[in-house]
Amino acid sequence: MIIAKDIELRAGARLLIDNVTFRINPGDRVGLVGRNGAGKTTLTKVLAGEGLPAAGEVTRSGTLGYLPQDPRSGDLEVLARDRILAARGLDEVFRQLRAAEEAMSTQTGAARDKAVRKYGRAEDRLHVLGGYAAESEAAAISSSLGLPDRVLGQPLSTLSGGQRRRVELARILFSNADTLLLDEPTNHLDADSIVWLRDFLKNHQGGLAIISHDVGLLEAVVNRVFHLDANRSVIDVYNVGWKKYLDTRETDEKRRKREYANAARQAGALQSQADKMRAKATKAKAAQQMLKRADRLLAGVEGERQSDRVAKLRFPEPAPCGKTPLTAEGLSKSYGSLEIFTDVGLAIDRGSRVVVLGLNGAGKTTLLRLLGGVEKPDTGSVVPGHGLRLGYYAQEHETLDHDRSVLDNMKSAAPDLPEVEARKVLGSFLFVGDDVDKPAGVLSGGEKTRLALATLVVSRANVLLLDEPTNNLDPASREEILGAINTFAGAIVMVTHDEGAVTALQPERVILLPDGVEDIWSDEFADLVALA
């Protein structure tokens, strides 16, 4: 159970939530919704104990599992399997068992007897924690999230960002925590994994609070909705499921419009009458009373809610370039003994549209990192053509300097851009006032996405490398980026699970990983997008 009492949340000087009280009980499956920047991620951090409210208090009972939007594991040399088993302390027990087994096979006498006793204690502990059945349960959860046994045996350092995020999700689901706080859990999941996750969360008996822009997940899972209204700094609580919430919210909006229109009409009549009466000294007092009554009428009803602001996104006019601004030949990449792909080549012509498809772990993100110069290939080369200007959007936001401010990140992307112009562009991406002075590291996932996209807007790039550009975006912001992708005049190489993004891209070619096969795009490939 989680109880939030009189909490106030701020992002710098900006008030997000003011004097809000609520609770999440066992059996509550809460959908946290609101536009990007409304405070959803900040709220989950505070509920999880990873941040403090500006005022008020949060109390928790029972165990808690928290999936942040950008989970960071401390030790990247830990095996993925051990990271998941650590949720119940099983990783240490299995290490003790292995150490005791080795000692029993190599030691003699008293040392061997000591090893036998250690093995017995470890085995007893394993039984208390669920035994080998628990290990099988962890493997089943991992497999359902697209993590095969081959991946579980690898160190986290060898995994892609999407694989590491799925490891963290598997760890939290395996933990059997009483309350789950999940921030965009479907990011990097394929269609089958999302269906499995819906069923898992629907059957979760404890408390749950989830941030997601996946409407199908919200429809299937939530039985309460908390809407964070950024314009009013409040949380509107709806004790209904998703579809009923949408209907109720629409009905409430119509009622508010009707009530405000009636009050405005009556207040207007009073004000008009008062204006006529004020000309006569004998009726000045009555006119003043009418004006006060008109003010009370308007104050007594809630006005029409302001529409949420949406970042206005248009990619830049690309800088002039040659016929083929980017070429790659014979690319291969391995992490340790794990081979990602070999002998991949491509030529990106001016204005071409390419989508990269492949199962999770096939190397899609790695290929974009090689093309963007973030990593070096083991073999082969990336050759810039005449006039190449690259713009790289990384799904983990590695292109942002998290220690520097929003404004400083913009200045790094476009050093020659006057500060007033940089602030103007940031304003169109909803970074206004003191927001531009915030360190990029404290931004929500959606805000980081907006900042990374803003740096592309000022880059004059003629080749865009886009890795899951619609992740973490609310529906309105997603529509903006889809429109920008559709109208961009330069070349785009894109990795995505979003079928709408592929439709907006209108690709000419497809690259299938890990084999590196290049083919002309056809609608037959469309079914692979969500699966990839």
Protein backbone atom coordinates (compact mmCIF):
# COMPACT_ATOMS: atom_id res chain seq x y z
CA MET A 1 0.00 0.00 0.00
CA ILE A 2 1.12 3.56 -0.73
CA ILE A 3 -0.38 6.65 0.91
CA ALA A 4 0.47 10.12 -0.41
CA LYS A 5 -0.68 12.95 1.83
CA ASP A 6 -0.72 16.65 0.91
CA ILE A 7 2.18 16.24 -1.50
CA GLU A 8 3.62 19.02 -3.60
CA LEU A 9 5.91 18.32 -6.55
CA ARG A 10 8.06 20.80 -8.44
CA ALA A 11 10.40 20.71 -11.43
CA GLY A 12 12.76 23.54 -10.57
CA ALA A 13 10.54 26.53 -9.87
CA ARG A 14 7.61 25.09 -11.82
CA LEU A 15 4.74 23.69 -9.74
CA LEU A 16 3.63 20.26 -10.97
CA ILE A 17 1.29 19.04 -8.22
CA ASP A 18 -0.08 21.04 -5.30
CA ASN A 19 -1.50 19.65 -2.05
CA VAL A 20 -2.64 16.28 -3.42
CA THR A 21 -3.72 13.27 -1.33
CA PHE A 22 -4.42 9.73 -2.56
CA ARG A 23 -3.72 6.09 -1.79
CA ILE A 24 -2.96 2.95 -3.80
CA ASN A 25 -4.41 -0.14 -2.13
CA PRO A 26 -3.92 -3.85 -2.89
CA GLY A 27 -5.98 -4.64 -5.97
CA ASP A 28 -5.78 -1.07 -7.32
CA ARG A 29 -4.33 -0.99 -10.83
CA VAL A 30 -3.81 2.69 -11.45
CA GLY A 31 -3.05 4.28 -14.81
CA LEU A 32 -1.05 7.50 -14.41
CA VAL A 33 -1.84 9.67 -17.43
CA GLY A 34 -1.21 13.23 -18.57
CA ARG A 35 0.84 15.06 -21.16
CA ASN A 36 4.65 14.82 -21.28
CA GLY A 37 6.11 16.99 -18.53
CA ALA A 38 2.99 16.88 -16.34
CA GLY A 39 4.97 15.12 -13.59
CA LYS A 40 4.15 11.41 -14.05
CA THR A 41 7.76 10.22 -13.87
CA THR A 42 8.55 12.62 -11.02
CA LEU A 43 5.53 11.28 -9.12
CA THR A 44 6.54 7.62 -9.53
CA LYS A 45 10.08 8.43 -8.33
CA VAL A 46 8.65 10.03 -5.20
CA LEU A 47 6.23 7.13 -4.62
CA ALA A 48 9.14 4.70 -4.99
CA GLY A 49 11.27 6.62 -2.46
CA GLU A 50 13.83 7.64 -5.12
CA GLY A 51 12.93 11.30 -4.75
CA LEU A 52 11.42 13.63 -2.16
CA PRO A 53 8.30 15.79 -2.52
CA ALA A 54 8.62 19.55 -2.10
CA ALA A 55 6.01 19.18 0.65
CA GLY A 56 3.84 16.47 2.18
CA GLU A 57 4.73 12.85 2.85
CA VAL A 58 4.52 9.39 1.30
CA THR A 59 4.21 6.24 3.42
CA ARG A 60 4.65 2.70 2.10
CA SER A 61 3.87 -0.72 3.48
CA GLY A 62 4.89 -4.06 2.01
CA THR A 63 7.52 -4.63 -0.68
CA LEU A 64 7.86 -2.42 -3.74
CA GLY A 65 9.06 -3.05 -7.29
CA TYR A 66 9.98 0.04 -9.32
CA LEU A 67 10.82 0.16 -13.03
CA PRO A 68 12.15 3.62 -13.91
CA GLN A 69 12.03 4.88 -17.46
CA ASP A 70 15.80 4.56 -17.85
CA PRO A 71 16.90 1.78 -15.46
CA ARG A 72 20.62 1.72 -14.70
CA SER A 73 22.19 -1.39 -13.20
CA GLY A 74 25.29 -0.75 -11.09
CA ASP A 75 27.47 -3.70 -12.13
CA LEU A 76 27.32 -4.35 -15.87
CA GLU A 77 29.50 -7.45 -15.53
CA VAL A 78 26.72 -9.30 -13.69
CA LEU A 79 25.05 -12.01 -15.77
CA ALA A 80 21.51 -11.14 -16.87
CA ARG A 81 20.19 -14.31 -15.16
CA ASP A 82 21.82 -13.37 -11.84
CA ARG A 83 20.42 -9.84 -12.07
CA ILE A 84 16.89 -11.26 -12.33
CA LEU A 85 17.39 -13.91 -9.62
CA ALA A 86 18.74 -11.20 -7.29
CA ALA A 87 15.17 -9.93 -6.90
CA ARG A 88 14.58 -12.78 -4.41
CA GLY A 89 18.18 -13.26 -3.26
CA LEU A 90 18.54 -16.45 -5.31
CA ASP A 91 21.67 -15.28 -7.11
CA GLU A 92 23.70 -15.38 -3.91
CA VAL A 93 22.28 -18.76 -2.91
CA PHE A 94 23.26 -20.30 -6.25
CA ARG A 95 26.75 -18.80 -5.92
CA GLN A 96 27.06 -20.40 -2.49
CA LEU A 97 25.90 -23.75 -3.88
CA ARG A 98 28.41 -23.62 -6.73
CA ALA A 99 31.25 -22.66 -4.39
CA ALA A 100 30.32 -25.44 -1.95
CA GLU A 101 30.10 -28.00 -4.79
CA GLU A 102 33.56 -27.06 -6.00
CA ALA A 103 34.98 -27.29 -2.48
CA MET A 104 33.37 -30.71 -1.91
CA SER A 105 34.93 -32.02 -5.11
CA THR A 106 38.42 -30.66 -4.40
CA GLN A 107 38.79 -30.69 -0.59
CA THR A 108 39.27 -33.53 1.84
CA GLY A 109 38.85 -34.12 5.56
CA ALA A 110 37.64 -31.25 7.73
CA ALA A 111 37.60 -28.81 4.82
CA ARG A 112 35.32 -31.11 2.85
CA ASP A 113 33.03 -31.55 5.87
CA LYS A 114 32.80 -27.77 6.22
CA ALA A 115 31.88 -27.48 2.52
CA VAL A 116 29.16 -30.12 2.98
CA ARG A 117 27.66 -28.12 5.85
CA LYS A 118 27.75 -24.93 3.75
CA TYR A 119 26.04 -26.75 0.90
CA GLY A 120 23.31 -27.97 3.27
CA ARG A 121 22.68 -24.48 4.63
CA ALA A 122 22.55 -23.04 1.11
CA GLU A 123 20.16 -25.78 0.01
CA ASP A 124 17.89 -25.05 2.98
CA ARG A 125 17.92 -21.37 2.07
CA LEU A 126 17.13 -22.24 -1.54
CA HIS A 127 14.12 -24.27 -0.39
CA VAL A 128 12.83 -21.31 1.68
CA LEU A 129 13.13 -19.02 -1.36
CA GLY A 130 11.17 -21.33 -3.63
CA GLY A 131 13.76 -23.84 -4.78
CA TYR A 132 14.50 -24.67 -8.37
CA ALA A 133 10.86 -23.95 -9.23
CA ALA A 134 11.59 -20.27 -8.61
CA GLU A 135 14.51 -20.42 -11.03
CA SER A 136 12.17 -21.95 -13.62
CA GLU A 137 9.65 -19.19 -12.94
CA ALA A 138 12.33 -16.55 -13.58
CA ALA A 139 13.26 -18.27 -16.85
CA ALA A 140 9.60 -18.40 -17.94
CA ILE A 141 9.08 -14.67 -17.23
CA SER A 142 12.30 -13.85 -19.09
CA SER A 143 11.35 -15.93 -22.10
CA SER A 144 7.92 -14.28 -22.23
CA LEU A 145 9.65 -10.88 -22.37
CA GLY A 146 11.87 -11.92 -25.28
CA LEU A 147 14.96 -12.91 -23.25
CA PRO A 148 16.05 -16.41 -24.31
CA ASP A 149 18.45 -18.53 -22.28
CA ARG A 150 21.33 -17.46 -24.53
CA VAL A 151 20.85 -13.83 -23.47
CA LEU A 152 20.42 -14.71 -19.78
CA GLY A 153 23.92 -16.20 -19.78
CA GLN A 154 25.53 -12.96 -20.98
CA PRO A 155 26.89 -10.06 -18.89
CA LEU A 156 24.69 -6.97 -18.93
CA SER A 157 27.51 -5.03 -20.62
CA THR A 158 27.04 -7.11 -23.79
CA LEU A 159 23.29 -6.44 -24.06
CA SER A 160 21.52 -3.70 -25.97
CA GLY A 161 19.69 -0.96 -24.10
CA GLY A 162 16.37 -2.61 -24.91
CA GLN A 163 17.57 -6.00 -23.62
CA ARG A 164 18.84 -4.46 -20.37
CA ARG A 165 15.48 -2.76 -19.86
CA ARG A 166 13.69 -6.09 -20.36
CA VAL A 167 16.04 -7.69 -17.83
CA GLU A 168 15.01 -5.02 -15.31
CA LEU A 169 11.33 -5.58 -16.06
CA ALA A 170 11.76 -9.35 -15.65
CA ARG A 171 13.57 -8.79 -12.34
CA ILE A 172 10.74 -6.65 -10.99
CA LEU A 173 7.97 -9.00 -12.13
CA PHE A 174 9.88 -11.94 -10.64
CA SER A 175 10.32 -10.14 -7.31
CA ASN A 176 6.71 -10.82 -6.17
CA ALA A 177 6.61 -7.27 -4.81
CA ASP A 178 3.35 -6.22 -3.16
CA THR A 179 3.18 -2.97 -5.15
CA LEU A 180 4.54 -2.36 -8.66
CA LEU A 181 5.43 1.06 -10.07
CA LEU A 182 6.11 0.75 -13.80
CA ASP A 183 7.17 3.64 -16.04
CA GLU A 184 6.56 2.80 -19.72
CA PRO A 185 7.02 -0.99 -19.32
CA THR A 186 6.17 -1.78 -22.97
CA ASN A 187 9.12 0.18 -24.38
CA HIS A 188 11.33 -2.24 -26.38
CA LEU A 189 8.81 -5.09 -26.14
CA ASP A 190 7.55 -6.93 -29.21
CA ALA A 191 3.85 -7.59 -29.80
CA ASP A 192 3.80 -11.06 -28.20
CA SER A 193 5.60 -9.82 -25.08
CA ILE A 194 3.13 -6.95 -24.69
CA VAL A 195 0.18 -9.36 -24.85
CA TRP A 196 1.82 -11.53 -22.17
CA LEU A 197 2.54 -8.50 -19.98
CA ARG A 198 -1.09 -7.38 -20.16
CA ASP A 199 -2.24 -10.74 -18.81
CA PHE A 200 0.43 -10.76 -16.10
CA LEU A 201 -0.48 -7.29 -14.81
CA LYS A 202 -4.23 -7.94 -15.08
CA ASN A 203 -3.78 -10.85 -12.68
CA HIS A 204 -1.48 -9.02 -10.25
CA GLN A 205 -3.10 -9.17 -6.82
CA GLY A 206 -1.19 -6.30 -5.19
CA GLY A 207 -1.14 -2.60 -5.96
CA LEU A 208 -0.02 -1.27 -9.34
CA ALA A 209 0.66 2.17 -10.76
CA ILE A 210 1.62 2.30 -14.41
CA ILE A 211 2.66 5.04 -16.83
CA SER A 212 2.01 4.01 -20.40
CA HIS A 213 0.99 5.40 -23.74
CA ASP A 214 -0.06 1.90 -24.85
CA VAL A 215 -3.86 2.23 -25.00
CA GLY A 216 -4.32 -1.54 -25.32
CA LEU A 217 -2.41 -2.09 -22.08
CA LEU A 218 -4.42 0.57 -20.24
CA GLU A 219 -7.72 -0.85 -21.49
CA ALA A 220 -6.80 -4.38 -20.40
CA VAL A 221 -5.22 -3.62 -17.02
CA VAL A 222 -6.26 -0.47 -15.14
CA ASN A 223 -9.27 -0.15 -12.86
CA ARG A 224 -8.48 3.40 -11.67
CA VAL A 225 -7.08 6.42 -13.51
CA PHE A 226 -5.10 9.32 -12.06
CA HIS A 227 -5.01 12.19 -14.56
CA LEU A 228 -2.24 14.70 -13.88
CA ASP A 229 -3.53 18.07 -15.07
CA ALA A 230 -0.47 20.22 -15.78
CA ASN A 231 -2.57 23.37 -16.18
CA ARG A 232 -4.23 23.11 -12.76
CA SER A 233 -1.44 21.32 -10.77
CA VAL A 234 -3.93 18.70 -9.55
CA ILE A 235 -4.60 14.99 -9.93
CA ASP A 236 -8.13 14.06 -11.01
CA VAL A 237 -8.96 10.59 -9.66
CA TYR A 238 -11.34 8.35 -11.61
CA ASN A 239 -12.29 5.08 -9.87
CA VAL A 240 -13.17 3.38 -13.15
CA GLY A 241 -11.46 1.48 -15.95
CA TRP A 242 -9.88 3.08 -19.00
CA LYS A 243 -12.86 3.18 -21.39
CA LYS A 244 -15.20 4.41 -18.67
CA TYR A 245 -12.60 7.05 -17.76
CA LEU A 246 -12.55 8.37 -21.33
CA ASP A 247 -16.36 8.51 -21.41
CA THR A 248 -16.56 10.17 -17.98
CA ARG A 249 -13.88 12.72 -18.84
CA GLU A 250 -15.70 13.67 -22.05
CA THR A 251 -19.02 13.96 -20.18
CA ASP A 252 -17.36 16.11 -17.48
CA GLU A 253 -15.86 18.39 -20.11
CA LYS A 254 -19.24 18.90 -21.79
CA ARG A 255 -20.87 19.61 -18.43
CA ARG A 256 -18.16 22.17 -17.54
CA LYS A 257 -18.59 23.94 -20.88
CA ARG A 258 -22.38 24.04 -20.41
CA GLU A 259 -22.21 25.29 -16.81
CA TYR A 260 -19.61 27.92 -17.61
CA ALA A 261 -21.59 29.13 -20.65
CA ASN A 262 -24.74 29.50 -18.50
CA ALA A 263 -22.83 31.33 -15.76
CA ALA A 264 -21.12 33.59 -18.30
CA ARG A 265 -24.48 34.45 -19.88
CA GLN A 266 -26.05 35.33 -16.51
CA ALA A 267 -22.95 37.27 -15.42
CA GLY A 268 -23.01 39.17 -18.70
CA ALA A 269 -26.61 40.18 -18.13
CA LEU A 270 -25.79 41.37 -14.60
CA GLN A 271 -22.76 43.33 -15.82
CA SER A 272 -24.80 44.94 -18.60
CA GLN A 273 -27.50 45.97 -16.13
CA ALA A 274 -24.89 47.27 -13.69
CA ASP A 275 -23.30 49.40 -16.42
CA LYS A 276 -26.68 51.06 -17.05
CA MET A 277 -27.29 51.64 -13.33
CA ARG A 278 -23.85 53.08 -12.53
CA ALA A 279 -24.67 56.26 -14.42
CA LYS A 280 -27.20 57.14 -11.69
CA ALA A 281 -25.71 58.02 -8.33
CA THR A 282 -28.75 56.69 -6.50
CA LYS A 283 -28.20 53.22 -7.98
CA ALA A 284 -24.38 53.04 -7.78
CA LYS A 285 -24.46 50.78 -4.72
CA ALA A 286 -26.91 48.37 -6.36
CA ALA A 287 -24.73 48.30 -9.48
CA GLN A 288 -21.71 47.40 -7.36
CA GLN A 289 -23.62 44.53 -5.76
CA MET A 290 -24.62 43.24 -9.20
CA LEU A 291 -20.98 43.23 -10.31
CA LYS A 292 -19.99 41.28 -7.19
CA ARG A 293 -22.78 38.80 -7.86
CA ALA A 294 -21.53 38.38 -11.46
CA ASP A 295 -18.03 37.68 -10.14
CA ARG A 296 -19.41 35.09 -7.71
CA LEU A 297 -21.29 33.37 -10.53
CA LEU A 298 -18.14 32.97 -12.60
CA ALA A 299 -16.04 31.93 -9.60
CA GLY A 300 -18.53 29.24 -8.67
CA VAL A 301 -18.07 27.18 -11.82
CA GLU A 302 -14.99 25.55 -13.26
CA GLY A 303 -14.05 26.96 -16.62
CA GLU A 304 -13.29 24.94 -19.69
CA ARG A 305 -10.00 23.12 -19.19
CA GLN A 306 -7.10 24.46 -21.16
CA SER A 307 -5.89 22.16 -23.89
CA ASP A 308 -2.50 20.60 -23.17
CA ARG A 309 0.28 22.29 -25.06
CA VAL A 310 2.04 20.16 -27.67
CA ALA A 311 5.59 20.55 -28.96
CA LYS A 312 5.59 21.83 -32.53
CA LEU A 313 8.07 19.72 -34.45
CA ARG A 314 9.39 20.16 -37.96
CA PHE A 315 12.76 18.78 -38.95
CA PRO A 316 15.13 21.30 -40.59
CA GLU A 317 15.68 21.96 -44.25
CA PRO A 318 18.60 19.59 -44.87
CA ALA A 319 22.00 20.97 -45.81
CA PRO A 320 23.08 20.34 -49.43
CA CYS A 321 24.96 17.08 -49.99
CA GLY A 322 26.13 14.71 -52.68
CA LYS A 323 24.13 11.91 -54.27
CA THR A 324 25.17 9.35 -51.62
CA PRO A 325 26.01 11.11 -48.34
CA LEU A 326 26.54 7.93 -46.28
CA THR A 327 28.00 4.52 -47.16
CA ALA A 328 28.91 1.50 -45.02
CA GLU A 329 30.84 -1.55 -46.16
CA GLY A 330 31.46 -4.92 -44.52
CA LEU A 331 30.39 -3.92 -41.00
CA SER A 332 30.65 -6.52 -38.24
CA LYS A 333 30.30 -6.22 -34.48
CA SER A 334 30.78 -8.60 -31.57
CA TYR A 335 30.73 -8.15 -27.80
CA GLY A 336 33.15 -10.67 -26.37
CA SER A 337 32.28 -14.04 -27.87
CA LEU A 338 28.81 -12.84 -28.88
CA GLU A 339 28.56 -12.06 -32.58
CA ILE A 340 25.91 -9.44 -33.32
CA PHE A 341 26.13 -9.27 -37.12
CA THR A 342 28.72 -9.61 -39.89
CA ASP A 343 29.34 -8.15 -43.34
CA VAL A 344 26.56 -5.55 -43.34
CA GLY A 345 26.72 -2.90 -46.05
CA LEU A 346 24.41 -0.13 -47.20
CA ALA A 347 24.39 3.06 -49.22
CA ILE A 348 22.13 5.93 -48.12
CA ASP A 349 21.24 8.16 -51.06
CA ARG A 350 20.06 11.74 -50.73
CA GLY A 351 16.45 11.77 -49.48
CA SER A 352 16.16 7.95 -49.20
CA ARG A 353 13.98 6.19 -46.61
CA VAL A 354 15.24 2.99 -44.94
CA VAL A 355 13.76 0.96 -42.09
CA VAL A 356 15.87 -1.54 -40.12
CA LEU A 357 14.04 -4.66 -38.91
CA GLY A 358 15.11 -7.63 -36.80
CA LEU A 359 14.22 -9.44 -33.60
CA ASN A 360 15.27 -7.94 -30.28
CA GLY A 361 19.02 -8.38 -29.92
CA ALA A 362 19.61 -8.64 -33.68
CA GLY A 363 21.77 -5.50 -33.63
CA LYS A 364 19.44 -2.73 -34.87
CA THR A 365 20.58 -0.17 -32.29
CA THR A 366 24.19 -1.29 -32.71
CA LEU A 367 24.01 -0.65 -36.47
CA LEU A 368 22.76 2.90 -35.91
CA ARG A 369 25.50 3.51 -33.34
CA LEU A 370 28.11 2.41 -35.87
CA LEU A 371 26.61 4.63 -38.59
CA GLY A 372 26.48 7.53 -36.14
CA GLY A 373 30.12 7.10 -35.10
CA VAL A 374 29.20 6.37 -31.47
CA GLU A 375 30.92 2.96 -31.70
CA LYS A 376 33.60 1.53 -33.96
CA PRO A 377 32.94 -1.59 -36.05
CA ASP A 378 35.16 -4.65 -35.56
CA THR A 379 35.56 -4.82 -39.33
CA GLY A 380 34.48 -2.68 -42.24
CA SER A 381 34.05 1.06 -42.40
CA VAL A 382 31.53 3.88 -42.46
CA VAL A 383 32.35 6.36 -45.22
CA PRO A 384 30.88 9.90 -45.15
CA GLY A 385 29.95 11.29 -48.55
CA HIS A 386 30.17 14.85 -49.79
CA GLY A 387 28.38 17.30 -47.50
CA LEU A 388 27.18 14.70 -44.97
CA ARG A 389 25.54 16.14 -41.86
CA LEU A 390 24.34 13.44 -39.49
CA GLY A 391 21.58 13.77 -36.92
CA TYR A 392 21.38 10.83 -34.50
CA TYR A 393 18.44 10.21 -32.16
CA ALA A 394 19.40 7.53 -29.61
CA GLN A 395 16.67 5.59 -27.83
CA GLU A 396 18.59 5.77 -24.54
CA HIS A 397 19.29 9.51 -25.06
CA GLU A 398 23.07 8.98 -25.08
CA THR A 399 23.47 12.05 -27.30
CA LEU A 400 22.44 14.28 -24.38
CA ASP A 401 24.91 15.43 -21.73
CA HIS A 402 22.88 14.73 -18.59
CA ASP A 403 25.10 16.97 -16.42
CA ARG A 404 24.59 20.03 -18.61
CA SER A 405 21.51 22.20 -18.83
CA VAL A 406 18.81 22.00 -21.47
CA LEU A 407 20.09 25.23 -23.02
CA ASP A 408 23.73 24.09 -22.98
CA ASN A 409 22.76 20.88 -24.80
CA MET A 410 21.18 23.02 -27.51
CA LYS A 411 24.28 25.21 -27.76
CA SER A 412 26.44 22.10 -28.21
CA ALA A 413 24.19 20.88 -31.04
CA ALA A 414 24.32 24.24 -32.83
CA PRO A 415 27.27 26.37 -31.57
CA ASP A 416 26.61 29.15 -34.08
CA LEU A 417 22.93 29.52 -33.17
CA PRO A 418 22.25 32.76 -31.22
CA GLU A 419 20.96 32.10 -27.71
CA VAL A 420 17.71 33.93 -28.39
CA GLU A 421 17.05 31.57 -31.31
CA ALA A 422 17.97 28.53 -29.21
CA ARG A 423 15.50 29.64 -26.55
CA LYS A 424 12.85 30.18 -29.22
CA VAL A 425 13.27 26.63 -30.51
CA LEU A 426 13.24 25.24 -26.97
CA GLY A 427 10.04 27.18 -26.31
CA SER A 428 8.36 25.45 -29.25
CA PHE A 429 9.35 22.17 -27.54
CA LEU A 430 7.70 23.37 -24.28
CA PHE A 431 10.93 24.32 -22.47
CA VAL A 432 10.16 27.81 -21.19
CA GLY A 433 11.50 30.07 -18.45
CA ASP A 434 13.63 28.27 -15.89
CA ASP A 435 13.08 24.94 -17.67
CA VAL A 436 16.04 25.69 -19.95
CA ASP A 437 18.39 25.82 -16.93
CA LYS A 438 17.48 22.35 -15.63
CA PRO A 439 20.12 19.60 -16.00
CA ALA A 440 19.08 17.18 -18.75
CA GLY A 441 19.50 14.31 -16.28
CA VAL A 442 16.45 15.34 -14.23
CA LEU A 443 14.08 15.42 -17.21
CA SER A 444 11.39 12.78 -17.69
CA GLY A 445 11.70 10.34 -20.56
CA GLY A 446 9.26 12.33 -22.66
CA GLU A 447 11.10 15.59 -21.93
CA LYS A 448 14.44 13.99 -22.87
CA THR A 449 12.85 12.84 -26.10
CA ARG A 450 11.68 16.40 -26.81
CA LEU A 451 15.13 17.84 -26.05
CA ALA A 452 16.89 15.28 -28.25
CA LEU A 453 14.47 16.08 -31.07
CA ALA A 454 15.03 19.81 -30.55
CA THR A 455 18.77 19.33 -31.08
CA LEU A 456 17.98 17.61 -34.39
CA VAL A 457 15.82 20.55 -35.49
CA VAL A 458 18.77 22.97 -35.28
CA SER A 459 21.31 20.53 -36.75
CA ARG A 460 20.54 21.02 -40.48
CA ALA A 461 21.14 17.28 -40.79
CA ASN A 462 20.65 15.71 -44.21
CA VAL A 463 20.74 12.13 -42.86
CA LEU A 464 18.71 11.29 -39.73
CA LEU A 465 19.37 8.11 -37.76
CA LEU A 466 16.26 7.56 -35.63
CA ASP A 467 16.20 4.80 -32.99
CA GLU A 468 12.66 4.31 -31.63
CA PRO A 469 11.78 8.02 -31.90
CA THR A 470 8.16 7.61 -30.71
CA ASN A 471 8.99 5.95 -27.37
CA ASN A 472 7.87 7.86 -24.23
CA LEU A 473 5.66 10.29 -26.17
CA ASP A 474 2.02 11.09 -25.44
CA PRO A 475 -0.38 10.63 -28.38
CA ALA A 476 -0.37 14.30 -29.42
CA SER A 477 3.43 14.53 -29.38
CA ARG A 478 3.68 11.25 -31.27
CA GLU A 479 1.48 12.67 -34.02
CA GLU A 480 3.80 15.67 -34.26
CA ILE A 481 6.90 13.53 -34.83
CA LEU A 482 5.09 11.30 -37.31
CA GLY A 483 4.22 14.42 -39.29
CA ALA A 484 7.83 15.62 -39.12
CA ILE A 485 9.12 12.24 -40.35
CA ASN A 486 6.63 12.27 -43.21
CA THR A 487 7.61 15.73 -44.46
CA PHE A 488 11.40 15.69 -43.92
CA ALA A 489 13.21 16.21 -47.21
CA GLY A 490 16.46 14.50 -46.20
CA ALA A 491 17.35 10.81 -45.77
CA ILE A 492 16.14 8.76 -42.78
CA VAL A 493 17.36 5.43 -41.42
CA MET A 494 14.93 4.32 -38.72
CA VAL A 495 14.58 1.55 -36.13
CA THR A 496 11.07 1.24 -34.68
CA HIS A 497 8.42 -1.10 -33.29
CA ASP A 498 5.78 1.51 -34.12
CA GLU A 499 3.75 0.60 -37.21
CA GLY A 500 2.50 4.19 -37.42
CA ALA A 501 6.09 5.44 -37.65
CA VAL A 502 6.77 3.11 -40.59
CA THR A 503 3.60 4.34 -42.31
CA ALA A 504 4.79 7.94 -41.85
CA LEU A 505 8.27 7.06 -43.12
CA GLN A 506 7.01 5.41 -46.31
CA PRO A 507 10.26 3.42 -46.63
CA GLU A 508 11.79 2.54 -49.95
CA ARG A 509 14.10 -0.13 -48.58
CA VAL A 510 14.42 -2.47 -45.61
CA ILE A 511 17.51 -3.95 -43.96
CA LEU A 512 16.94 -7.25 -42.15
CA LEU A 513 19.29 -8.05 -39.27
CA PRO A 514 21.33 -9.96 -38.21
CA ASP A 515 21.96 -11.19 -41.77
CA GLY A 516 22.17 -7.68 -43.19
CA VAL A 517 19.96 -8.52 -46.16
CA GLU A 518 18.74 -5.44 -48.04
CA ASP A 519 15.48 -5.53 -49.95
CA ILE A 520 12.91 -3.27 -51.60
CA TRP A 521 10.15 -2.40 -49.12
CA SER A 522 6.81 -4.07 -49.62
CA ASP A 523 3.71 -4.36 -47.47
CA GLU A 524 4.69 -7.97 -46.72
CA PHE A 525 7.29 -6.57 -44.31
CA ALA A 526 4.69 -4.53 -42.41
CA ASP A 527 3.69 -7.52 -40.26
CA LEU A 528 7.28 -7.80 -39.03
CA VAL A 529 7.39 -4.28 -37.57
CA ALA A 530 5.57 -4.92 -34.27
CA LEU A 531 7.20 -8.36 -33.97
CA ALA A 532 10.68 -6.89 -34.42
